Protein backbone atom coordinates (compact mmCIF):
# COMPACT_ATOMS: atom_id res chain seq x y z
CA MET A 1 -0.04 -0.01 0.07
CA ALA A 2 1.31 3.55 -1.07
CA ASP A 3 2.41 5.75 1.75
CA LEU A 4 -0.38 8.71 1.71
CA ASN A 5 1.98 11.04 3.14
CA PRO A 6 5.62 10.75 1.83
CA PRO A 7 7.86 13.15 3.26
CA SER A 8 9.70 14.30 0.06
CA SER A 9 9.59 18.08 -0.59
CA THR A 10 9.96 17.33 -4.36
CA ILE A 11 6.56 15.80 -4.69
CA PRO A 12 3.65 18.63 -4.32
CA ARG A 13 1.01 17.73 -1.91
CA PRO A 14 -2.63 18.07 -3.73
CA VAL A 15 -4.73 20.90 -2.16
CA PHE A 16 -8.21 21.49 -2.96
CA ILE A 17 -10.47 24.49 -2.31
CA VAL A 18 -14.11 23.65 -2.58
CA SER A 19 -17.00 25.48 -1.92
CA ASP A 20 -20.89 25.84 -2.85
CA GLY A 21 -20.16 29.44 -3.71
CA THR A 22 -17.30 31.25 -5.32
CA ALA A 23 -14.60 29.59 -3.16
CA ILE A 24 -13.13 32.77 -2.55
CA THR A 25 -13.54 32.93 1.21
CA ALA A 26 -12.25 29.23 1.29
CA GLU A 27 -9.20 30.21 -0.69
CA THR A 28 -8.67 33.10 1.49
CA LEU A 29 -8.61 31.17 4.78
CA ALA A 30 -6.69 28.14 3.29
CA GLN A 31 -4.04 30.48 2.32
CA ALA A 32 -3.78 32.13 5.67
CA VAL A 33 -3.37 28.65 7.19
CA LEU A 34 -0.98 27.32 4.68
CA THR A 35 1.41 30.18 5.07
CA GLN A 36 2.14 28.83 8.51
CA PHE A 37 3.82 25.87 6.72
CA PRO A 38 6.31 27.79 4.41
CA ASN A 39 8.38 24.30 3.51
CA LEU A 40 5.09 22.71 2.36
CA ASN A 41 5.23 22.09 -1.42
CA TYR A 42 1.75 21.96 -2.77
CA GLU A 43 -0.34 22.33 -5.79
CA GLN A 44 -3.70 23.98 -5.30
CA ARG A 45 -6.87 23.72 -7.31
CA ARG A 46 -9.97 25.48 -6.60
CA ILE A 47 -13.66 24.06 -7.27
CA PRO A 48 -16.31 26.59 -7.01
CA PHE A 49 -20.19 26.36 -7.12
CA VAL A 50 -20.33 22.66 -5.72
CA ASP A 51 -24.01 23.50 -4.83
CA THR A 52 -25.74 20.25 -5.04
CA VAL A 53 -25.46 16.76 -3.21
CA GLU A 54 -24.78 15.24 -6.67
CA LYS A 55 -21.79 17.82 -7.37
CA ALA A 56 -20.65 17.17 -3.88
CA VAL A 57 -20.47 13.60 -4.25
CA ALA A 58 -18.72 13.81 -7.93
CA THR A 59 -16.22 16.32 -6.64
CA ALA A 60 -15.33 14.20 -3.50
CA ASP A 61 -14.93 11.20 -6.34
CA ARG A 62 -12.42 13.47 -8.26
CA ILE A 63 -10.35 14.26 -5.33
CA ASN A 64 -10.41 10.56 -4.02
CA LEU A 65 -8.98 9.77 -7.66
CA VAL A 66 -6.22 12.18 -7.26
CA GLN A 67 -5.22 10.39 -4.08
CA GLU A 68 -5.20 7.02 -6.02
CA LYS A 69 -2.99 8.44 -8.71
CA THR A 70 -0.68 10.36 -6.69
CA GLY A 71 -0.52 8.09 -3.43
CA MET A 72 -0.79 11.41 -1.34
CA ARG A 73 -3.87 12.29 0.46
CA PRO A 74 -5.21 15.61 -0.41
CA LEU A 75 -5.62 18.54 1.75
CA VAL A 76 -9.25 19.91 1.45
CA PHE A 77 -10.32 23.27 2.50
CA SER A 78 -14.27 23.40 2.09
CA THR A 79 -17.06 26.13 2.80
CA PHE A 80 -20.46 24.61 2.41
CA SER A 81 -23.29 26.70 3.58
CA ARG A 82 -25.89 23.95 3.53
CA LYS A 83 -25.13 20.86 5.86
CA SER A 84 -26.59 18.27 3.61
CA ILE A 85 -23.90 19.37 0.73
CA SER A 86 -21.32 19.28 3.52
CA ASN A 87 -22.17 15.96 4.89
CA ALA A 88 -22.31 14.35 1.41
CA PHE A 89 -19.04 15.69 0.71
CA CYS A 90 -17.40 14.74 3.78
CA ASP A 91 -18.83 11.30 4.00
CA GLU A 92 -17.45 10.64 0.28
CA CYS A 93 -14.07 12.37 0.42
CA THR A 94 -11.10 10.42 1.59
CA GLY A 95 -8.67 13.50 1.83
CA PHE A 96 -8.05 15.54 4.95
CA VAL A 97 -11.03 17.75 5.09
CA SER A 98 -10.97 21.21 6.86
CA GLU A 99 -14.76 22.20 6.69
CA LEU A 100 -13.97 25.92 7.52
CA PHE A 101 -17.34 27.22 8.33
CA ARG A 102 -18.21 24.34 10.52
CA SER A 103 -14.99 25.05 12.69
CA PHE A 104 -16.49 28.69 13.38
CA VAL A 105 -20.19 28.92 12.86
CA ASN A 106 -21.05 25.68 14.84
CA PRO A 107 -19.51 26.99 18.06
CA LEU A 108 -21.11 30.60 17.39
CA GLU A 109 -24.55 29.05 17.08
CA GLU A 110 -24.15 27.38 20.71
CA GLU A 111 -22.51 30.49 22.08
CA LEU A 112 -25.26 32.91 20.49
CA GLY A 113 -28.13 30.77 20.97
CA MET A 114 -29.37 31.19 17.39
CA LYS A 115 -29.13 29.59 14.13
CA SER A 116 -27.07 30.81 11.21
CA SER A 117 -28.71 31.66 7.84
CA HIS A 118 -26.93 28.76 5.95
CA GLN A 119 -27.29 30.90 2.77
CA VAL A 120 -24.81 30.56 -0.24
CA GLY A 121 -22.86 33.90 -0.92
CA MET A 122 -23.61 35.80 2.31
CA THR A 123 -19.84 36.59 2.49
CA HIS A 124 -19.82 38.38 -0.75
CA ARG A 125 -23.56 40.02 -0.84
CA ILE A 126 -23.83 43.77 -0.98
CA ARG A 127 -24.73 44.65 2.57
CA ASN A 128 -24.27 48.36 2.13
CA GLU A 129 -25.15 50.15 -1.34
CA GLU A 130 -23.14 53.26 -0.24
CA ASN A 131 -20.13 51.22 0.63
CA TYR A 132 -20.54 49.30 -2.72
CA ASP A 133 -20.88 52.66 -4.57
CA ARG A 134 -17.56 54.08 -3.02
CA ARG A 135 -15.82 51.04 -4.11
CA ILE A 136 -16.91 51.30 -7.72
CA ALA A 137 -15.89 54.81 -7.55
CA ALA A 138 -12.57 54.06 -6.02
CA ILE A 139 -11.62 51.46 -8.65
CA ASP A 140 -12.63 53.86 -11.53
CA TYR A 141 -10.37 56.59 -10.03
CA THR A 142 -7.57 54.31 -9.36
CA LEU A 143 -7.73 53.01 -12.92
CA THR A 144 -7.84 56.68 -14.16
CA HIS A 145 -4.87 57.69 -12.19
CA ASP A 146 -2.49 54.60 -12.77
CA ASP A 147 0.91 55.05 -13.45
CA GLY A 148 0.72 58.86 -13.42
CA GLN A 149 -1.67 59.02 -16.60
CA THR A 150 -3.14 62.31 -15.22
CA ASP A 151 -2.26 65.02 -12.72
CA PHE A 152 -6.09 66.16 -12.53
CA GLY A 153 -7.85 65.27 -9.51
CA LEU A 154 -4.71 64.24 -7.36
CA ASP A 155 -6.33 66.24 -4.52
CA GLU A 156 -9.11 63.59 -4.43
CA ALA A 157 -6.75 60.85 -3.81
CA GLU A 158 -6.66 59.33 -0.38
CA VAL A 159 -3.15 57.84 -1.04
CA ILE A 160 -0.74 58.56 -3.65
CA LEU A 161 2.07 55.86 -4.29
CA VAL A 162 5.50 56.85 -5.58
CA GLY A 163 8.28 54.56 -6.51
CA VAL A 164 10.52 53.47 -9.69
CA SER A 165 8.72 51.53 -12.51
CA ARG A 166 7.77 47.89 -11.49
CA SER A 167 8.01 48.38 -7.75
CA GLY A 168 4.62 47.18 -7.14
CA LYS A 169 2.39 50.46 -7.20
CA THR A 170 -0.20 49.03 -9.40
CA PRO A 171 -1.24 45.96 -7.68
CA THR A 172 -1.12 47.69 -4.31
CA SER A 173 -3.39 50.66 -5.64
CA LEU A 174 -5.83 48.09 -7.09
CA PHE A 175 -5.76 46.20 -3.64
CA LEU A 176 -6.73 49.10 -1.78
CA ALA A 177 -9.58 50.36 -4.10
CA MET A 178 -11.06 47.04 -4.62
CA GLN A 179 -10.89 45.77 -1.08
CA PHE A 180 -11.44 48.98 0.96
CA GLY A 181 -12.96 51.53 -1.42
CA ILE A 182 -9.63 53.75 -1.13
CA LYS A 183 -9.01 56.06 -3.77
CA VAL A 184 -5.32 55.73 -4.75
CA ALA A 185 -3.05 57.20 -7.47
CA ASN A 186 0.32 56.09 -8.42
CA TYR A 187 2.96 58.18 -9.79
CA PRO A 188 6.44 56.71 -11.26
CA LEU A 189 9.63 58.29 -10.18
CA ILE A 190 11.82 58.36 -13.22
CA PRO A 191 15.79 59.20 -13.80
CA GLU A 192 14.56 62.86 -14.87
CA ASP A 193 13.38 63.37 -11.52
CA PHE A 194 16.59 61.95 -9.78
CA ASP A 195 18.58 64.18 -12.06
CA ARG A 196 16.55 67.18 -11.33
CA GLY A 197 16.73 66.37 -7.55
CA THR A 198 13.12 67.44 -6.86
CA LEU A 199 9.66 65.58 -6.85
CA PRO A 200 7.40 66.59 -9.80
CA GLU A 201 5.54 69.55 -9.04
CA ALA A 202 2.20 67.73 -9.19
CA LEU A 203 3.24 65.55 -6.35
CA ALA A 204 4.84 68.50 -4.17
CA LYS A 205 1.17 69.94 -3.82
CA VAL A 206 -0.10 66.60 -2.14
CA HIS A 207 3.15 65.82 -0.15
CA ASP A 208 0.88 64.49 2.81
CA LYS A 209 -0.77 61.89 0.79
CA LEU A 210 2.42 60.26 -0.57
CA PHE A 211 3.63 56.75 0.32
CA GLY A 212 6.65 55.28 -1.47
CA LEU A 213 7.35 51.46 -2.52
CA THR A 214 10.76 50.40 -3.01
CA ILE A 215 12.35 47.03 -4.01
CA SER A 216 15.53 45.06 -4.01
CA PRO A 217 17.53 45.86 -7.34
CA GLU A 218 17.73 42.24 -7.97
CA ARG A 219 14.26 41.55 -7.77
CA LEU A 220 13.41 44.62 -9.94
CA HIS A 221 16.07 43.33 -12.48
CA GLU A 222 14.16 39.98 -12.52
CA ILE A 223 10.70 41.51 -13.12
CA ARG A 224 12.08 44.34 -15.74
CA ASN A 225 14.04 41.65 -17.53
CA GLU A 226 10.59 39.60 -18.07
CA ARG A 227 9.18 42.60 -19.70
CA ARG A 228 11.93 44.06 -21.78
CA PRO A 229 14.88 41.42 -21.62
CA ASN A 230 18.50 42.91 -22.30
CA SER A 231 17.71 46.20 -21.90
CA ARG A 232 19.17 49.28 -20.32
CA TYR A 233 15.90 49.72 -18.51
CA ALA A 234 16.31 46.29 -17.05
CA SER A 235 19.96 45.99 -16.27
CA ILE A 236 21.15 45.49 -12.76
CA GLU A 237 23.26 48.62 -12.85
CA ASN A 238 20.30 50.87 -14.08
CA CYS A 239 17.97 49.09 -11.35
CA ARG A 240 20.62 49.77 -8.66
CA TYR A 241 20.81 53.22 -9.62
CA GLU A 242 17.27 54.18 -9.82
CA ILE A 243 16.36 52.15 -6.42
CA SER A 244 19.37 54.22 -4.50
CA SER A 245 18.26 57.44 -6.04
CA CYS A 246 14.43 56.79 -5.34
CA GLU A 247 15.36 56.01 -1.85
CA ALA A 248 17.62 58.99 -1.32
CA MET A 249 14.86 61.29 -2.89
CA MET A 250 12.07 59.75 -0.32
CA ASP A 251 14.71 60.21 2.52
CA ARG A 252 15.22 63.94 1.62
CA GLU A 253 11.43 64.62 1.10
CA GLY A 254 10.46 62.82 4.32
CA ILE A 255 8.15 60.16 2.35
CA SER A 256 7.59 57.07 4.44
CA TYR A 257 8.10 54.00 2.63
CA LEU A 258 8.91 50.26 2.58
CA SER A 259 10.01 47.41 0.47
CA SER A 260 7.72 45.47 -1.56
CA THR A 261 10.24 42.68 -2.07
CA THR A 262 9.19 40.21 0.80
CA LYS A 263 5.95 42.00 1.77
CA SER A 264 2.47 40.93 0.79
CA ILE A 265 -0.15 43.37 -0.63
CA GLU A 266 -1.95 42.78 2.65
CA GLU A 267 1.13 43.77 4.88
CA ILE A 268 1.77 46.55 2.42
CA ALA A 269 -1.80 48.11 2.66
CA ALA A 270 -1.97 47.61 6.67
CA THR A 271 1.33 49.52 6.76
CA ILE A 272 -0.25 52.35 4.56
CA PHE A 273 -3.14 52.43 6.54
CA ALA A 274 -1.29 52.88 9.91
CA THR A 275 1.12 55.45 8.53
CA LEU A 276 -1.42 57.70 6.71
CA HIS A 277 -4.00 57.22 9.35
CA LEU A 278 -6.51 56.34 6.83
CA GLU A 279 -10.21 55.49 7.82
CA LYS A 280 -10.70 51.89 6.97
CA HIS A 281 -13.98 51.76 5.19
CA GLU A 282 -16.13 48.46 5.32
CA ARG A 283 -14.47 45.69 3.34
CA ILE A 284 -16.80 44.46 0.58
CA GLY A 285 -16.60 40.81 -0.47
């Protein structure tokens, strides 16, 4: 009989994210758990909308087949709102199943003395139309003000991210807009700015909203080389020059900044909130 849990780190452990909804919540919770095992080599698959008993059984059989083929017991993270679907899946699946809602909802039902709704999609429903409209407006603003496309309306921004090209400004901007309804502009600092020795005029007027992102030259070189291989723009020498010049400018200007090299977007966002004393709007979805 095959060992279901071989210790080899060269073989990825199968991980399944299963839900009767989008599986976004299950994936978020699973990622939070799996980050506590940095040496775990795994291959993740997401299976959303398993919203009938029949689909639950078929999905369990699919996971069981992976176990038979690989000889490794899959790790399964699931969020089922309806007990009948959860029971059918758990009864059939031979993987290591963490039914995330049951871990939290059942004890809360006992503590609160009330039953939960057991409705699909409650995590992502629109609870407040005003907050939803704010998020849409923030996304629109952030896309319009990406990569210094326009100086118009910078005074409306709640955050203006600055840094060299490809230092993580755009994904961080979109995360803040999509998750928290924050209007974010991002503005690249370029060699012309470093030669001049001052911030672009448009940024000097909104200095209190600036937050900088930097990155290690080696990582920047890797990212830029994928975009424009063997170019002056991507060379390690130029990356070192731009990073050192950018950090020196932010130090002179008193702009708070951090490195995106090893930080997650969530960590960067939390630091920006704390540094700029932002009001964290209700997270939607």
